[in-house]
């Protein structure tokens, strides 16, 4: 803070310097700050605000600083509070007083707004890549196990049989919605704020459209007050990330259940499991559990920034410094979770026999029996009641449906005939041959569609 205390006679307290400094985390904005500064210098020269030679000197200096960062040679100083001051101070050290001209016609307010948008743009692009990679992994697992049958659940109670591929492709659909949200978010990210100054614009003949073109933005902000104080694009990313982490957490929960001894539908690779410090037999699904836990921190980052923003008057307030740590954490958490989930899913082994054994337990074909009666002419509600009583009877007799006699079936409805024994798990699945259903033909169509979606965006 000591670098911009020209109005004050008294130095800032060291505790204040430490409290207000953002360099411990905003250092990662350096490539965006340098890119924005290079574009700004070139625009200033184009407009005759500085000379071409001065701009060239500044650009050479900035590229030198970028190389220092890349080589790990950049020296951070405690008295410089943020990445912007660090780069500006180092530029003046390298090129002399001409470096001080770089800040002409801009404020740190529009400078940081630009840096955050450039960072967010890359974050969205990287997120879309990781989402696509994870979808590929899901489709590959589904395709390799498209004949495997598992119990479908409601209320976590056995409901109806489904194909495992159908179950996995449900997550593909969730991720498609996530992808659409991030793509839509990019529309709001893609706005160039530089030239808004501190809050009112700048008193120089600048070319904002040139800046937008140089930096790859399709739009220029239309209101300077809004431009320096808008963090909707961060909130939007964090909201989309919260949706995505929620979907990943749901899958994590199923992976945890399915890999347990009680279910044993799948086996996780040792590379994606951990042991116990005391129980030698344990193979813990820690990756899935951590993803489930990390979902809460992503939600927390969203709520923290919403709370920060809710009472801020226009335009810039220092509260907005709190946008960065949570945003960086959300991006890092989501990208790493998607990446590690891709690896975990690619190495999952499916225990088809165990899944089939679970399907055979209970009375998973009860709905099919009710449908059978309906097709024989019974109304659905009486059919449902008859089968419900049949289930109660079978439970009391400790018999599965397959062990009941036709005489026993007829106790509950005269419409039951010998063809009732043709109702099987396979016939149940095949009967759901409607768009979006679990029938093999529909699942094959869904797999084909998913592969086309992946191929259309350049997936493998």
Protein backbone atom coordinates (compact mmCIF):
# COMPACT_ATOMS: atom_id res chain seq x y z
CA UNK A 1 0.00 0.00 0.00
CA UNK A 2 2.98 2.27 0.52
CA UNK A 3 3.28 2.58 -3.26
CA UNK A 4 0.02 4.55 -3.64
CA UNK A 5 -0.17 6.64 -0.47
CA UNK A 6 0.62 9.99 -2.07
CA UNK A 7 -2.23 11.73 -0.24
CA UNK A 8 -1.09 10.49 3.16
CA UNK A 9 1.68 11.67 5.45
CA UNK A 10 1.58 8.50 7.51
CA UNK A 11 2.67 5.06 6.37
CA UNK A 12 0.19 2.23 6.56
CA UNK A 13 0.43 0.00 9.59
CA UNK A 14 2.20 -3.25 8.72
CA UNK A 15 -0.83 -5.19 9.90
CA UNK A 16 -2.96 -3.22 7.42
CA UNK A 17 -0.50 -4.00 4.63
CA UNK A 18 -0.74 -7.69 5.46
CA UNK A 19 -4.52 -7.61 5.82
CA UNK A 20 -5.19 -5.87 2.53
CA UNK A 21 -2.55 -7.58 0.39
CA UNK A 22 -3.87 -9.90 -2.32
CA UNK A 23 -0.56 -10.95 -3.85
CA UNK A 24 -0.53 -14.33 -2.00
CA UNK A 25 -3.29 -15.44 -4.39
CA UNK A 26 -3.72 -12.93 -7.21
CA UNK A 27 -0.18 -13.60 -8.44
CA UNK A 28 -1.72 -16.24 -10.70
CA UNK A 29 -3.31 -13.45 -12.74
CA UNK A 30 0.10 -12.40 -14.02
CA UNK A 31 -0.26 -13.74 -17.61
CA UNK A 32 -3.60 -11.97 -17.96
CA UNK A 33 -2.33 -8.75 -16.44
CA UNK A 34 0.63 -8.75 -18.82
CA UNK A 35 -1.54 -9.57 -21.84
CA UNK A 36 -3.92 -6.74 -20.95
CA UNK A 37 -1.03 -4.35 -20.40
CA UNK A 38 0.56 -5.20 -23.77
CA UNK A 39 -2.73 -4.57 -25.55
CA UNK A 40 -3.17 -1.32 -23.62
CA UNK A 41 0.32 -0.10 -24.52
CA UNK A 42 -0.28 -0.81 -28.19
CA UNK A 43 -3.61 1.00 -28.08
CA UNK A 44 -2.02 4.04 -26.40
CA UNK A 45 0.56 4.19 -29.20
CA UNK A 46 -2.08 3.71 -31.91
CA UNK A 47 -4.00 6.66 -30.49
CA UNK A 48 -0.90 8.84 -30.18
CA UNK A 49 -1.14 9.00 -26.40
CA UNK A 50 2.38 7.56 -26.14
CA UNK A 51 4.93 7.12 -28.92
CA UNK A 52 5.47 3.91 -30.86
CA UNK A 53 8.97 3.69 -29.42
CA UNK A 54 7.65 4.04 -25.87
CA UNK A 55 5.08 1.33 -26.52
CA UNK A 56 7.74 -0.97 -27.97
CA UNK A 57 9.92 -0.43 -24.91
CA UNK A 58 7.00 -1.18 -22.60
CA UNK A 59 6.02 -4.33 -24.53
CA UNK A 60 9.61 -5.63 -24.50
CA UNK A 61 9.76 -4.99 -20.77
CA UNK A 62 6.45 -6.77 -20.15
CA UNK A 63 7.53 -9.80 -22.17
CA UNK A 64 10.73 -9.88 -20.12
CA UNK A 65 8.67 -9.90 -16.92
CA UNK A 66 6.52 -12.72 -18.30
CA UNK A 67 9.68 -14.74 -18.89
CA UNK A 68 10.82 -14.07 -15.32
CA UNK A 69 7.55 -15.53 -14.06
CA UNK A 70 7.86 -18.54 -16.34
CA UNK A 71 11.40 -19.23 -15.10
CA UNK A 72 10.44 -18.70 -11.46
CA UNK A 73 12.78 -15.72 -11.22
CA UNK A 74 10.25 -12.99 -10.45
CA UNK A 75 10.89 -11.40 -7.07
CA UNK A 76 7.87 -10.63 -4.93
CA UNK A 77 8.05 -7.72 -2.49
CA UNK A 78 6.02 -7.43 0.69
CA UNK A 79 5.35 -3.73 0.21
CA UNK A 80 3.62 -4.25 -3.13
CA UNK A 81 0.08 -5.37 -2.40
CA UNK A 82 -1.11 -6.99 -5.61
CA UNK A 83 -0.02 -8.42 -8.95
CA UNK A 84 -0.76 -5.16 -10.77
CA UNK A 85 1.60 -3.13 -8.58
CA UNK A 86 4.26 -5.83 -8.77
CA UNK A 87 4.27 -5.84 -12.56
CA UNK A 88 4.15 -2.06 -12.85
CA UNK A 89 6.98 -1.58 -10.34
CA UNK A 90 9.12 -4.22 -12.04
CA UNK A 91 8.43 -2.66 -15.44
CA UNK A 92 9.70 0.72 -14.22
CA UNK A 93 12.78 -1.00 -12.82
CA UNK A 94 13.47 -2.61 -16.19
CA UNK A 95 12.67 0.21 -18.64
CA UNK A 96 12.79 3.36 -16.55
CA UNK A 97 10.28 6.19 -16.28
CA UNK A 98 8.56 5.28 -19.54
CA UNK A 99 7.12 2.28 -17.69
CA UNK A 100 5.05 4.71 -15.62
CA UNK A 101 3.19 5.77 -18.77
CA UNK A 102 1.54 2.36 -19.05
CA UNK A 103 -1.08 3.25 -16.47
CA UNK A 104 -2.29 6.20 -18.54
CA UNK A 105 -6.02 5.93 -19.31
CA UNK A 106 -6.72 3.02 -17.01
CA UNK A 107 -7.39 2.25 -13.36
CA UNK A 108 -6.70 -0.80 -11.29
CA UNK A 109 -10.48 -1.12 -11.17
CA UNK A 110 -10.91 -1.81 -14.88
CA UNK A 111 -7.53 -3.56 -14.96
CA UNK A 112 -8.54 -6.21 -12.42
CA UNK A 113 -11.97 -6.57 -14.05
CA UNK A 114 -10.15 -7.36 -17.30
CA UNK A 115 -7.76 -9.81 -15.66
CA UNK A 116 -10.61 -11.70 -14.01
CA UNK A 117 -12.52 -11.94 -17.27
CA UNK A 118 -9.48 -13.24 -19.10
CA UNK A 119 -8.92 -15.80 -16.33
CA UNK A 120 -12.62 -16.77 -16.38
CA UNK A 121 -12.52 -17.22 -20.14
CA UNK A 122 -9.68 -19.71 -19.83
CA UNK A 123 -11.43 -21.38 -16.88
CA UNK A 124 -14.55 -21.98 -18.97
CA UNK A 125 -12.49 -23.35 -21.87
CA UNK A 126 -10.57 -25.72 -19.58
CA UNK A 127 -13.78 -26.80 -17.86
CA UNK A 128 -15.38 -27.68 -21.18
CA UNK A 129 -12.35 -29.80 -22.08
CA UNK A 130 -12.50 -31.70 -18.77
CA UNK A 131 -16.26 -32.15 -19.04
CA UNK A 132 -15.82 -33.62 -22.50
CA UNK A 133 -13.10 -35.96 -21.27
CA UNK A 134 -15.26 -37.22 -18.45
CA UNK A 135 -18.20 -37.76 -20.77
CA UNK A 136 -15.95 -39.85 -23.02
CA UNK A 137 -14.97 -41.99 -20.04
CA UNK A 138 -18.62 -42.53 -19.08
CA UNK A 139 -19.63 -43.46 -22.61
CA UNK A 140 -16.70 -45.87 -22.90
CA UNK A 141 -17.72 -47.61 -19.65
CA UNK A 142 -21.36 -47.73 -20.77
CA UNK A 143 -20.45 -49.09 -24.20
CA UNK A 144 -18.24 -51.81 -22.76
CA UNK A 145 -21.04 -52.98 -20.43
CA UNK A 146 -24.16 -52.31 -22.46
CA UNK A 147 -25.65 -55.75 -21.76
CA UNK A 148 -25.13 -55.60 -17.99
CA UNK A 149 -28.36 -55.38 -16.01
CA UNK A 150 -28.55 -53.67 -12.61
CA UNK A 151 -31.39 -52.88 -10.24
CA UNK A 152 -32.86 -49.45 -10.73
CA UNK A 153 -33.81 -47.74 -7.47
CA UNK A 154 -36.28 -45.25 -6.14
CA UNK A 155 -35.97 -44.23 -2.50
CA UNK A 156 -32.85 -46.44 -2.66
CA UNK A 157 -35.23 -49.40 -2.75
CA UNK A 158 -35.17 -51.92 -5.60
CA UNK A 159 -37.61 -50.66 -8.23
CA UNK A 160 -37.18 -51.94 -11.80
CA UNK A 161 -34.34 -53.51 -13.78
CA UNK A 162 -32.31 -51.23 -16.05
CA UNK A 163 -29.25 -51.55 -18.21
CA UNK A 164 -26.09 -50.27 -16.56
CA UNK A 165 -25.37 -48.29 -19.72
CA UNK A 166 -28.73 -46.55 -19.36
CA UNK A 167 -27.85 -45.62 -15.79
CA UNK A 168 -24.43 -44.25 -16.76
CA UNK A 169 -25.86 -42.30 -19.68
CA UNK A 170 -28.12 -40.46 -17.23
CA UNK A 171 -24.93 -38.77 -16.01
CA UNK A 172 -23.94 -38.03 -19.59
CA UNK A 173 -27.20 -36.07 -19.87
CA UNK A 174 -26.47 -34.19 -16.66
CA UNK A 175 -23.04 -33.28 -17.97
CA UNK A 176 -24.61 -32.11 -21.23
CA UNK A 177 -26.67 -29.62 -19.24
CA UNK A 178 -23.54 -28.57 -17.36
CA UNK A 179 -21.75 -28.06 -20.67
CA UNK A 180 -24.59 -25.89 -21.95
CA UNK A 181 -24.48 -23.79 -18.77
CA UNK A 182 -20.75 -23.12 -19.12
CA UNK A 183 -21.10 -22.29 -22.81
CA UNK A 184 -23.88 -19.87 -21.94
CA UNK A 185 -21.78 -18.40 -19.12
CA UNK A 186 -19.09 -17.61 -21.68
CA UNK A 187 -21.44 -15.11 -23.33
CA UNK A 188 -21.35 -12.97 -20.18
CA UNK A 189 -17.61 -13.48 -19.66
CA UNK A 190 -16.91 -12.30 -23.21
CA UNK A 191 -17.18 -8.56 -22.45
CA UNK A 192 -14.14 -6.25 -22.46
CA UNK A 193 -14.17 -3.78 -19.51
CA UNK A 194 -10.84 -1.96 -20.05
CA UNK A 195 -11.40 1.73 -20.70
CA UNK A 196 -13.98 2.08 -17.95
CA UNK A 197 -11.36 3.66 -15.70
CA UNK A 198 -12.05 3.83 -12.00
CA UNK A 199 -15.80 4.18 -12.57
CA UNK A 200 -16.61 6.95 -15.07
CA UNK A 201 -14.60 6.12 -18.17
CA UNK A 202 -11.31 7.85 -19.07
CA UNK A 203 -10.49 11.34 -20.33
CA UNK A 204 -8.38 10.15 -23.26
CA UNK A 205 -9.18 9.36 -26.88
CA UNK A 206 -8.81 5.61 -26.52
CA UNK A 207 -9.95 2.85 -28.87
CA UNK A 208 -11.82 0.25 -26.84
CA UNK A 209 -12.81 -1.74 -29.91
CA UNK A 210 -9.11 -2.12 -30.75
CA UNK A 211 -8.48 -3.41 -27.24
CA UNK A 212 -11.35 -5.89 -27.55
CA UNK A 213 -9.97 -7.21 -30.83
CA UNK A 214 -6.43 -7.49 -29.46
CA UNK A 215 -7.67 -9.44 -26.44
CA UNK A 216 -10.16 -11.62 -28.29
CA UNK A 217 -13.40 -10.20 -26.87
CA UNK A 218 -16.52 -9.97 -29.01
CA UNK A 219 -18.15 -7.22 -26.94
CA UNK A 220 -17.21 -4.01 -25.15
CA UNK A 221 -18.86 -3.10 -21.85
CA UNK A 222 -21.57 -0.45 -22.22
CA UNK A 223 -21.56 1.15 -18.80
CA UNK A 224 -18.38 2.06 -16.92
CA UNK A 225 -20.00 1.88 -13.48
CA UNK A 226 -21.29 -1.60 -14.14
CA UNK A 227 -18.09 -2.78 -15.83
CA UNK A 228 -15.82 -2.19 -12.84
CA UNK A 229 -18.25 -3.58 -10.28
CA UNK A 230 -19.77 -6.52 -12.19
CA UNK A 231 -18.89 -9.95 -10.87
CA UNK A 232 -21.93 -11.72 -12.30
CA UNK A 233 -19.70 -13.68 -14.65
CA UNK A 234 -17.84 -15.16 -11.66
CA UNK A 235 -21.08 -15.95 -9.86
CA UNK A 236 -22.39 -17.57 -13.01
CA UNK A 237 -19.34 -19.81 -13.32
CA UNK A 238 -19.58 -20.70 -9.63
CA UNK A 239 -23.28 -21.50 -10.00
CA UNK A 240 -22.61 -23.73 -13.02
CA UNK A 241 -19.75 -25.34 -11.10
CA UNK A 242 -22.09 -26.00 -8.18
CA UNK A 243 -24.52 -27.79 -10.49
CA UNK A 244 -21.69 -29.82 -11.96
CA UNK A 245 -20.21 -30.76 -8.58
CA UNK A 246 -23.68 -31.78 -7.42
CA UNK A 247 -23.90 -34.17 -10.37
CA UNK A 248 -20.42 -35.52 -9.65
CA UNK A 249 -21.34 -35.94 -6.00
CA UNK A 250 -24.42 -37.97 -6.92
CA UNK A 251 -22.28 -40.28 -9.03
CA UNK A 252 -19.71 -40.39 -6.24
CA UNK A 253 -22.40 -41.60 -3.84
CA UNK A 254 -23.40 -44.39 -6.23
CA UNK A 255 -19.78 -45.39 -6.77
CA UNK A 256 -19.34 -45.56 -3.00
CA UNK A 257 -22.43 -47.75 -2.64
CA UNK A 258 -21.73 -49.94 -5.66
CA UNK A 259 -18.16 -50.63 -4.60
CA UNK A 260 -19.16 -51.70 -1.09
CA UNK A 261 -19.28 -55.37 -0.10
CA UNK A 262 -23.04 -55.10 0.32
CA UNK A 263 -23.50 -54.17 -3.37
CA UNK A 264 -20.24 -55.21 -5.06
CA UNK A 265 -21.48 -54.14 -8.50
CA UNK A 266 -18.13 -52.57 -9.33
CA UNK A 267 -14.52 -52.72 -8.26
CA UNK A 268 -12.40 -49.60 -8.12
CA UNK A 269 -8.84 -49.73 -9.37
CA UNK A 270 -6.20 -49.69 -6.65
CA UNK A 271 -4.81 -46.47 -8.13
CA UNK A 272 -8.08 -44.75 -7.21
CA UNK A 273 -8.55 -46.31 -3.77
CA UNK A 274 -6.83 -46.06 -0.40
CA UNK A 275 -6.17 -48.40 2.50
CA UNK A 276 -6.88 -48.13 6.18
CA UNK A 277 -4.33 -47.28 8.85
CA UNK A 278 -5.72 -50.03 11.10
CA UNK A 279 -7.90 -52.41 9.06
CA UNK A 280 -5.82 -54.36 6.52
CA UNK A 281 -8.80 -55.54 4.47
CA UNK A 282 -10.09 -52.06 3.58
CA UNK A 283 -10.18 -50.62 0.06
CA UNK A 284 -11.70 -47.21 0.52
CA UNK A 285 -13.32 -45.12 -2.27
CA UNK A 286 -11.59 -41.95 -1.07
CA UNK A 287 -11.64 -40.21 -4.46
CA UNK A 288 -15.42 -40.43 -4.60
CA UNK A 289 -15.76 -39.46 -0.95
CA UNK A 290 -13.54 -36.41 -1.36
CA UNK A 291 -15.52 -35.28 -4.39
CA UNK A 292 -18.68 -35.57 -2.32
CA UNK A 293 -17.04 -33.46 0.38
CA UNK A 294 -15.52 -30.89 -1.96
CA UNK A 295 -18.96 -30.19 -3.38
CA UNK A 296 -19.75 -28.31 -0.18
CA UNK A 297 -16.79 -25.96 -0.53
CA UNK A 298 -17.84 -25.10 -4.10
CA UNK A 299 -21.33 -24.30 -2.84
CA UNK A 300 -19.71 -22.23 -0.08
CA UNK A 301 -17.68 -20.17 -2.54
CA UNK A 302 -20.84 -19.31 -4.45
CA UNK A 303 -22.71 -18.30 -1.32
CA UNK A 304 -19.76 -16.29 -0.03
CA UNK A 305 -19.58 -14.13 -3.16
CA UNK A 306 -23.35 -13.75 -3.37
CA UNK A 307 -23.27 -12.51 0.22
CA UNK A 308 -20.39 -10.14 -0.54
CA UNK A 309 -22.19 -8.67 -3.55
CA UNK A 310 -25.67 -8.30 -2.08
CA UNK A 311 -25.19 -4.92 -0.43
CA UNK A 312 -22.46 -3.25 -2.49
CA UNK A 313 -23.30 0.20 -3.85
CA UNK A 314 -21.82 1.20 -7.20
CA UNK A 315 -19.08 1.21 -8.21
CA UNK A 316 -15.89 -0.45 -7.00
CA UNK A 317 -15.53 -1.39 -3.33
CA UNK A 318 -12.62 -3.20 -1.75
CA UNK A 319 -14.98 -6.01 -0.80
CA UNK A 320 -14.61 -7.14 -4.41
CA UNK A 321 -11.10 -8.33 -3.62
CA UNK A 322 -12.91 -11.26 -2.00
CA UNK A 323 -14.00 -12.53 -5.42
CA UNK A 324 -10.66 -14.18 -6.18
CA UNK A 325 -9.78 -16.83 -3.62
CA UNK A 326 -13.16 -18.54 -3.79
CA UNK A 327 -13.25 -18.34 -7.59
CA UNK A 328 -9.75 -19.76 -7.96
CA UNK A 329 -10.63 -22.51 -5.50
CA UNK A 330 -13.83 -23.38 -7.36
CA UNK A 331 -12.04 -23.59 -10.70
CA UNK A 332 -9.23 -25.71 -9.25
CA UNK A 333 -11.65 -27.99 -7.41
CA UNK A 334 -13.93 -28.58 -10.39
CA UNK A 335 -11.12 -29.15 -12.90
CA UNK A 336 -9.25 -31.56 -10.64
CA UNK A 337 -12.44 -33.46 -9.75
CA UNK A 338 -13.46 -33.89 -13.39
CA UNK A 339 -9.94 -35.00 -14.28
CA UNK A 340 -9.60 -37.57 -11.51
CA UNK A 341 -13.13 -38.88 -12.13
CA UNK A 342 -12.23 -39.50 -15.77
CA UNK A 343 -9.32 -41.69 -14.67
CA UNK A 344 -11.37 -43.45 -12.01
CA UNK A 345 -14.25 -44.28 -14.36
CA UNK A 346 -11.89 -45.54 -17.08
CA UNK A 347 -10.48 -48.13 -14.66
CA UNK A 348 -13.72 -49.35 -13.05
CA UNK A 349 -14.36 -53.09 -13.34
CA UNK A 350 -18.01 -54.12 -13.49
CA UNK A 351 -19.15 -57.24 -11.62
CA UNK A 352 -22.00 -58.23 -13.93
CA UNK A 353 -22.83 -61.42 -12.01
CA UNK A 354 -23.22 -59.62 -8.70
CA UNK A 355 -25.40 -56.98 -10.33
CA UNK A 356 -27.57 -59.68 -11.89
CA UNK A 357 -27.88 -61.50 -8.58
CA UNK A 358 -29.13 -58.27 -7.00
CA UNK A 359 -31.69 -57.91 -9.78
CA UNK A 360 -33.03 -61.39 -9.04
CA UNK A 361 -33.60 -60.53 -5.40
CA UNK A 362 -36.87 -59.07 -4.24
CA UNK A 363 -39.87 -58.49 -6.48
CA UNK A 364 -38.41 -56.24 -9.14
CA UNK A 365 -40.89 -57.49 -11.79
CA UNK A 366 -43.99 -56.40 -9.84
CA UNK A 367 -44.72 -53.50 -12.19
CA UNK A 368 -44.42 -55.84 -15.17
CA UNK A 369 -47.04 -58.11 -13.59
CA UNK A 370 -49.39 -55.17 -13.15
CA UNK A 371 -48.79 -54.19 -16.79
CA UNK A 372 -49.49 -57.80 -17.76
CA UNK A 373 -52.94 -57.62 -16.14
CA UNK A 374 -53.64 -54.28 -17.81
CA UNK A 375 -52.85 -55.79 -21.21
CA UNK A 376 -55.32 -58.57 -20.33
CA UNK A 377 -58.06 -55.96 -19.88
CA UNK A 378 -57.79 -54.96 -16.21
CA UNK A 379 -57.70 -51.29 -15.20
CA UNK A 380 -54.33 -50.24 -13.82
CA UNK A 381 -55.42 -49.44 -10.25
CA UNK A 382 -57.10 -52.82 -9.61
CA UNK A 383 -54.13 -54.48 -11.32
CA UNK A 384 -51.73 -52.62 -9.04
CA UNK A 385 -53.74 -53.70 -5.97
CA UNK A 386 -53.82 -57.33 -7.07
CA UNK A 387 -50.06 -57.46 -7.58
CA UNK A 388 -49.46 -55.68 -4.28
CA UNK A 389 -51.40 -58.44 -2.53
CA UNK A 390 -49.49 -61.02 -4.56
CA UNK A 391 -46.20 -59.52 -3.34
CA UNK A 392 -47.38 -59.67 0.28
CA UNK A 393 -48.32 -63.31 -0.19
CA UNK A 394 -44.96 -64.15 -1.84
CA UNK A 395 -43.07 -62.47 0.99
CA UNK A 396 -45.05 -64.43 3.58
CA UNK A 397 -44.35 -67.67 1.69
CA UNK A 398 -40.70 -66.66 1.25
CA UNK A 399 -40.98 -67.34 -2.48
CA UNK A 400 -39.76 -65.31 -5.45
CA UNK A 401 -42.24 -64.79 -8.29
CA UNK A 402 -40.50 -67.50 -10.30
CA UNK A 403 -41.37 -70.14 -7.66
CA UNK A 404 -45.07 -69.34 -7.49
CA UNK A 405 -47.49 -71.70 -9.24
CA UNK A 406 -50.17 -70.61 -11.66
CA UNK A 407 -52.74 -71.65 -9.05
CA UNK A 408 -51.16 -69.21 -6.59
CA UNK A 409 -51.15 -66.44 -9.20
CA UNK A 410 -54.84 -67.00 -9.91
CA UNK A 411 -55.71 -66.43 -6.26
CA UNK A 412 -55.09 -62.75 -6.94
CA UNK A 413 -56.45 -62.42 -10.47
CA UNK A 414 -58.23 -64.82 -12.82
CA UNK A 415 -56.47 -63.04 -15.69
CA UNK A 416 -53.15 -64.69 -14.94
CA UNK A 417 -52.33 -67.43 -17.48
CA UNK A 418 -49.31 -69.60 -18.27
CA UNK A 419 -47.73 -66.79 -20.28
CA UNK A 420 -47.12 -64.95 -16.98
CA UNK A 421 -44.02 -67.11 -16.67
CA UNK A 422 -42.61 -65.47 -19.80
CA UNK A 423 -42.11 -62.27 -17.82
CA UNK A 424 -38.40 -62.03 -17.11
CA UNK A 425 -35.84 -59.39 -16.33
CA UNK A 426 -34.91 -59.32 -20.02
CA UNK A 427 -38.52 -58.98 -21.15
CA UNK A 428 -39.02 -56.18 -18.62
CA UNK A 429 -36.10 -54.23 -20.04
CA UNK A 430 -37.05 -54.94 -23.65
CA UNK A 431 -40.60 -53.71 -22.99
CA UNK A 432 -39.33 -50.19 -22.18
CA UNK A 433 -38.73 -49.53 -25.87
CA UNK A 434 -39.68 -45.87 -25.88
CA UNK A 435 -37.47 -42.87 -26.53
CA UNK A 436 -35.38 -42.40 -23.40
CA UNK A 437 -36.21 -45.90 -22.12
CA UNK A 438 -33.87 -48.64 -20.96
CA UNK A 439 -34.58 -51.12 -23.78
CA UNK A 440 -31.41 -52.28 -25.57
CA UNK A 441 -32.46 -50.64 -28.84
CA UNK A 442 -33.02 -47.29 -27.14
CA UNK A 443 -29.77 -47.51 -25.18
CA UNK A 444 -27.86 -48.31 -28.38
CA UNK A 445 -29.40 -45.22 -29.97
CA UNK A 446 -28.45 -43.15 -26.91
CA UNK A 447 -24.87 -44.45 -27.03
CA UNK A 448 -24.65 -43.61 -30.73
CA UNK A 449 -25.98 -40.11 -30.08
CA UNK A 450 -23.53 -39.58 -27.22
CA UNK A 451 -20.62 -40.69 -29.38
CA UNK A 452 -21.70 -38.30 -32.13
CA UNK A 453 -21.88 -35.47 -29.59
CA UNK A 454 -18.35 -36.24 -28.43
CA UNK A 455 -17.08 -36.56 -31.99
CA UNK A 456 -18.67 -33.28 -33.04
CA UNK A 457 -16.61 -31.37 -30.51
CA UNK A 458 -13.37 -33.12 -31.35
CA UNK A 459 -13.37 -35.91 -28.78
CA UNK A 460 -11.56 -39.18 -29.35
